[in-house]
PDB file of N, CA and C in Angstrom:
ATOM      1  N   MET A   1     -12.505  -3.486 154.590  1.00  0.00           N
ATOM      2  CA  MET A   1     -12.365  -2.042 154.586  1.00  0.00           C
ATOM      3  C   MET A   1     -11.575  -1.620 153.365  1.00  0.00           C
ATOM      4  N   PRO A   2     -11.882  -0.527 152.774  1.00  0.00           N
ATOM      5  CA  PRO A   2     -11.089  -0.057 151.632  1.00  0.00           C
ATOM      6  C   PRO A   2      -9.756   0.514 152.117  1.00  0.00           C
ATOM      7  N   TYR A   3      -8.727   0.317 151.343  1.00  0.00           N
ATOM      8  CA  TYR A   3      -7.416   0.863 151.678  1.00  0.00           C
ATOM      9  C   TYR A   3      -7.383   2.341 151.309  1.00  0.00           C
ATOM     10  N   THR A   4      -7.066   3.172 152.296  1.00  0.00           N
ATOM     11  CA  THR A   4      -6.893   4.591 152.013  1.00  0.00           C
ATOM     12  C   THR A   4      -5.468   5.028 152.309  1.00  0.00           C
ATOM     13  N   ASP A   5      -4.940   4.563 153.468  1.00  0.00           N
ATOM     14  CA  ASP A   5      -3.555   4.844 153.813  1.00  0.00           C
ATOM     15  C   ASP A   5      -3.104   3.880 154.914  1.00  0.00           C
ATOM     16  N   VAL A   6      -1.830   3.909 155.230  1.00  0.00           N
ATOM     17  CA  VAL A   6      -1.263   2.982 156.207  1.00  0.00           C
ATOM     18  C   VAL A   6      -1.868   3.219 157.593  1.00  0.00           C
ATOM     19  N   GLN A   7      -2.051   4.463 157.978  1.00  0.00           N
ATOM     20  CA  GLN A   7      -2.584   4.762 159.308  1.00  0.00           C
ATOM     21  C   GLN A   7      -3.979   4.175 159.490  1.00  0.00           C
ATOM     22  N   ALA A   8      -4.794   4.161 158.456  1.00  0.00           N
ATOM     23  CA  ALA A   8      -6.139   3.584 158.551  1.00  0.00           C
ATOM     24  C   ALA A   8      -6.059   2.079 158.822  1.00  0.00           C
ATOM     25  N   VAL A   9      -5.106   1.402 158.219  1.00  0.00           N
ATOM     26  CA  VAL A   9      -4.918  -0.037 158.460  1.00  0.00           C
ATOM     27  C   VAL A   9      -4.452  -0.257 159.904  1.00  0.00           C
ATOM     28  N   ILE A  10      -3.506   0.540 160.371  1.00  0.00           N
ATOM     29  CA  ILE A  10      -3.011   0.424 161.750  1.00  0.00           C
ATOM     30  C   ILE A  10      -4.153   0.655 162.741  1.00  0.00           C
ATOM     31  N   ASP A  11      -4.965   1.662 162.499  1.00  0.00           N
ATOM     32  CA  ASP A  11      -6.097   1.946 163.385  1.00  0.00           C
ATOM     33  C   ASP A  11      -7.081   0.778 163.419  1.00  0.00           C
ATOM     34  N   ALA A  12      -7.330   0.156 162.283  1.00  0.00           N
ATOM     35  CA  ALA A  12      -8.244  -0.989 162.226  1.00  0.00           C
ATOM     36  C   ALA A  12      -7.693  -2.171 163.022  1.00  0.00           C
ATOM     37  N   VAL A  13      -6.378  -2.375 162.958  1.00  0.00           N
ATOM     38  CA  VAL A  13      -5.756  -3.452 163.733  1.00  0.00           C
ATOM     39  C   VAL A  13      -5.908  -3.171 165.226  1.00  0.00           C
ATOM     40  N   TYR A  14      -5.644  -1.955 165.662  1.00  0.00           N
ATOM     41  CA  TYR A  14      -5.795  -1.602 167.078  1.00  0.00           C
ATOM     42  C   TYR A  14      -7.234  -1.750 167.544  1.00  0.00           C
ATOM     43  N   GLN A  15      -8.188  -1.466 166.684  1.00  0.00           N
ATOM     44  CA  GLN A  15      -9.597  -1.557 167.060  1.00  0.00           C
ATOM     45  C   GLN A  15     -10.052  -2.989 167.309  1.00  0.00           C
ATOM     46  N   THR A  16      -9.295  -3.976 166.839  1.00  0.00           N
ATOM     47  CA  THR A  16      -9.650  -5.365 167.126  1.00  0.00           C
ATOM     48  C   THR A  16      -9.449  -5.696 168.591  1.00  0.00           C
ATOM     49  N   GLY A  17      -8.548  -4.975 169.278  1.00  0.00           N
ATOM     50  CA  GLY A  17      -8.276  -5.219 170.680  1.00  0.00           C
ATOM     51  C   GLY A  17      -7.401  -6.427 170.946  1.00  0.00           C
ATOM     52  N   ILE A  18      -6.834  -6.997 169.906  1.00  0.00           N
ATOM     53  CA  ILE A  18      -6.021  -8.206 170.062  1.00  0.00           C
ATOM     54  C   ILE A  18      -4.790  -7.957 170.936  1.00  0.00           C
ATOM     55  N   HIS A  19      -4.346  -6.738 171.010  1.00  0.00           N
ATOM     56  CA  HIS A  19      -3.142  -6.412 171.777  1.00  0.00           C
ATOM     57  C   HIS A  19      -3.401  -6.293 173.275  1.00  0.00           C
ATOM     58  N   SER A  20      -4.639  -6.291 173.705  1.00  0.00           N
ATOM     59  CA  SER A  20      -4.954  -6.090 175.119  1.00  0.00           C
ATOM     60  C   SER A  20      -5.209  -7.415 175.834  1.00  0.00           C
ATOM     61  N   SER A  21      -4.249  -8.299 175.786  1.00  0.00           N
ATOM     62  CA  SER A  21      -4.350  -9.598 176.449  1.00  0.00           C
ATOM     63  C   SER A  21      -4.059  -9.449 177.936  1.00  0.00           C
ATOM     64  N   GLU A  22      -4.752 -10.226 178.746  1.00  0.00           N
ATOM     65  CA  GLU A  22      -4.541 -10.200 180.191  1.00  0.00           C
ATOM     66  C   GLU A  22      -3.427 -11.147 180.630  1.00  0.00           C
ATOM     67  N   PHE A  23      -2.913 -11.941 179.727  1.00  0.00           N
ATOM     68  CA  PHE A  23      -1.907 -12.932 180.064  1.00  0.00           C
ATOM     69  C   PHE A  23      -0.515 -12.403 179.709  1.00  0.00           C
ATOM     70  N   PRO A  24       0.407 -12.373 180.663  1.00  0.00           N
ATOM     71  CA  PRO A  24       1.724 -11.769 180.408  1.00  0.00           C
ATOM     72  C   PRO A  24       2.584 -12.544 179.412  1.00  0.00           C
ATOM     73  N   GLN A  25       2.343 -13.818 179.226  1.00  0.00           N
ATOM     74  CA  GLN A  25       3.162 -14.623 178.314  1.00  0.00           C
ATOM     75  C   GLN A  25       2.551 -14.740 176.920  1.00  0.00           C
ATOM     76  N   THR A  26       1.654 -13.859 176.574  1.00  0.00           N
ATOM     77  CA  THR A  26       1.001 -13.898 175.266  1.00  0.00           C
ATOM     78  C   THR A  26       2.006 -13.589 174.160  1.00  0.00           C
ATOM     79  N   GLU A  27       1.927 -14.373 173.099  1.00  0.00           N
ATOM     80  CA  GLU A  27       2.763 -14.141 171.917  1.00  0.00           C
ATOM     81  C   GLU A  27       1.862 -13.725 170.765  1.00  0.00           C
ATOM     82  N   PHE A  28       2.415 -12.922 169.870  1.00  0.00           N
ATOM     83  CA  PHE A  28       1.638 -12.411 168.754  1.00  0.00           C
ATOM     84  C   PHE A  28       2.322 -12.738 167.434  1.00  0.00           C
ATOM     85  N   ALA A  29       1.511 -12.878 166.408  1.00  0.00           N
ATOM     86  CA  ALA A  29       2.026 -13.081 165.064  1.00  0.00           C
ATOM     87  C   ALA A  29       1.290 -12.130 164.125  1.00  0.00           C
ATOM     88  N   LEU A  30       2.022 -11.621 163.154  1.00  0.00           N
ATOM     89  CA  LEU A  30       1.452 -10.674 162.196  1.00  0.00           C
ATOM     90  C   LEU A  30       2.004 -10.986 160.814  1.00  0.00           C
ATOM     91  N   ALA A  31       1.122 -11.026 159.842  1.00  0.00           N
ATOM     92  CA  ALA A  31       1.539 -11.180 158.447  1.00  0.00           C
ATOM     93  C   ALA A  31       0.695 -10.227 157.613  1.00  0.00           C
ATOM     94  N   VAL A  32       1.314  -9.644 156.605  1.00  0.00           N
ATOM     95  CA  VAL A  32       0.614  -8.708 155.729  1.00  0.00           C
ATOM     96  C   VAL A  32       0.904  -9.086 154.283  1.00  0.00           C
ATOM     97  N   TYR A  33      -0.153  -9.115 153.478  1.00  0.00           N
ATOM     98  CA  TYR A  33      -0.007  -9.375 152.049  1.00  0.00           C
ATOM     99  C   TYR A  33      -0.708  -8.244 151.305  1.00  0.00           C
ATOM    100  N   ILE A  34      -0.016  -7.655 150.362  1.00  0.00           N
ATOM    101  CA  ILE A  34      -0.595  -6.581 149.550  1.00  0.00           C
ATOM    102  C   ILE A  34      -0.527  -6.995 148.087  1.00  0.00           C
ATOM    103  N   HIS A  35      -1.681  -6.981 147.446  1.00  0.00           N
ATOM    104  CA  HIS A  35      -1.747  -7.338 146.030  1.00  0.00           C
ATOM    105  C   HIS A  35      -2.170  -6.100 145.230  1.00  0.00           C
ATOM    106  N   PRO A  36      -1.320  -5.676 144.293  1.00  0.00           N
ATOM    107  CA  PRO A  36      -1.672  -4.489 143.495  1.00  0.00           C
ATOM    108  C   PRO A  36      -2.567  -4.850 142.301  1.00  0.00           C
ATOM    109  N   TYR A  37      -3.465  -3.961 141.996  1.00  0.00           N
ATOM    110  CA  TYR A  37      -4.319  -4.066 140.820  1.00  0.00           C
ATOM    111  C   TYR A  37      -4.114  -2.814 139.975  1.00  0.00           C
ATOM    112  N   PRO A  38      -4.571  -2.824 138.739  1.00  0.00           N
ATOM    113  CA  PRO A  38      -4.442  -1.628 137.895  1.00  0.00           C
ATOM    114  C   PRO A  38      -5.166  -0.419 138.504  1.00  0.00           C
ATOM    115  N   ASN A  39      -4.765   0.753 138.103  1.00  0.00           N
ATOM    116  CA  ASN A  39      -5.359   2.022 138.538  1.00  0.00           C
ATOM    117  C   ASN A  39      -5.143   2.307 140.022  1.00  0.00           C
ATOM    118  N   ASN A  40      -3.991   1.917 140.535  1.00  0.00           N
ATOM    119  CA  ASN A  40      -3.616   2.195 141.924  1.00  0.00           C
ATOM    120  C   ASN A  40      -4.587   1.607 142.950  1.00  0.00           C
ATOM    121  N   ILE A  41      -5.138   0.447 142.659  1.00  0.00           N
ATOM    122  CA  ILE A  41      -6.006  -0.256 143.597  1.00  0.00           C
ATOM    123  C   ILE A  41      -5.171  -1.326 144.296  1.00  0.00           C
ATOM    124  N   LEU A  42      -5.275  -1.373 145.630  1.00  0.00           N
ATOM    125  CA  LEU A  42      -4.519  -2.340 146.420  1.00  0.00           C
ATOM    126  C   LEU A  42      -5.476  -3.196 147.240  1.00  0.00           C
ATOM    127  N   SER A  43      -5.184  -4.480 147.278  1.00  0.00           N
ATOM    128  CA  SER A  43      -5.879  -5.381 148.185  1.00  0.00           C
ATOM    129  C   SER A  43      -4.919  -5.679 149.327  1.00  0.00           C
ATOM    130  N   VAL A  44      -5.300  -5.329 150.550  1.00  0.00           N
ATOM    131  CA  VAL A  44      -4.435  -5.495 151.715  1.00  0.00           C
ATOM    132  C   VAL A  44      -5.041  -6.559 152.625  1.00  0.00           C
ATOM    133  N   TRP A  45      -4.267  -7.606 152.895  1.00  0.00           N
ATOM    134  CA  TRP A  45      -4.687  -8.678 153.793  1.00  0.00           C
ATOM    135  C   TRP A  45      -3.806  -8.615 155.028  1.00  0.00           C
ATOM    136  N   VAL A  46      -4.421  -8.490 156.189  1.00  0.00           N
ATOM    137  CA  VAL A  46      -3.693  -8.453 157.449  1.00  0.00           C
ATOM    138  C   VAL A  46      -4.139  -9.661 158.275  1.00  0.00           C
ATOM    139  N   TYR A  47      -3.167 -10.494 158.628  1.00  0.00           N
ATOM    140  CA  TYR A  47      -3.428 -11.684 159.430  1.00  0.00           C
ATOM    141  C   TYR A  47      -2.846 -11.462 160.818  1.00  0.00           C
ATOM    142  N   LEU A  48      -3.664 -11.675 161.846  1.00  0.00           N
ATOM    143  CA  LEU A  48      -3.227 -11.493 163.227  1.00  0.00           C
ATOM    144  C   LEU A  48      -3.494 -12.768 164.007  1.00  0.00           C
ATOM    145  N   ALA A  49      -2.595 -13.078 164.921  1.00  0.00           N
ATOM    146  CA  ALA A  49      -2.804 -14.223 165.811  1.00  0.00           C
ATOM    147  C   ALA A  49      -2.327 -13.848 167.198  1.00  0.00           C
ATOM    148  N   SER A  50      -3.054 -14.339 168.188  1.00  0.00           N
ATOM    149  CA  SER A  50      -2.697 -14.131 169.593  1.00  0.00           C
ATOM    150  C   SER A  50      -2.650 -15.511 170.236  1.00  0.00           C
ATOM    151  N   LEU A  51      -1.507 -15.867 170.777  1.00  0.00           N
ATOM    152  CA  LEU A  51      -1.316 -17.181 171.371  1.00  0.00           C
ATOM    153  C   LEU A  51      -1.045 -17.028 172.868  1.00  0.00           C
ATOM    154  N   ALA A  52      -1.913 -17.624 173.676  1.00  0.00           N
ATOM    155  CA  ALA A  52      -1.751 -17.544 175.130  1.00  0.00           C
ATOM    156  C   ALA A  52      -1.832 -18.954 175.709  1.00  0.00           C
ATOM    157  N   ARG A  53      -0.855 -19.293 176.518  1.00  0.00           N
ATOM    158  CA  ARG A  53      -0.830 -20.612 177.136  1.00  0.00           C
ATOM    159  C   ARG A  53      -1.563 -20.539 178.476  1.00  0.00           C
ATOM    160  N   HIS A  54      -2.606 -21.356 178.618  1.00  0.00           N
ATOM    161  CA  HIS A  54      -3.367 -21.410 179.871  1.00  0.00           C
ATOM    162  C   HIS A  54      -2.893 -22.607 180.676  1.00  0.00           C
ATOM    163  N   GLN A  55      -2.749 -22.420 181.972  1.00  0.00           N
ATOM    164  CA  GLN A  55      -2.322 -23.538 182.825  1.00  0.00           C
ATOM    165  C   GLN A  55      -3.368 -23.855 183.859  1.00  0.00           C
TER     166      GLN A  55
END
């Protein structure tokens, strides 16, 4: 997706549905990398992980 603003990135993360886990002990990890290019162009990488222990 092209970067337009922070809210657009947040909305895209929510649309993945990763936050709606059915397991109460779910842990989450988030990492963000932003690489600037000339002419105000940004490459935004968002890494998400959801860890759930099944018994």
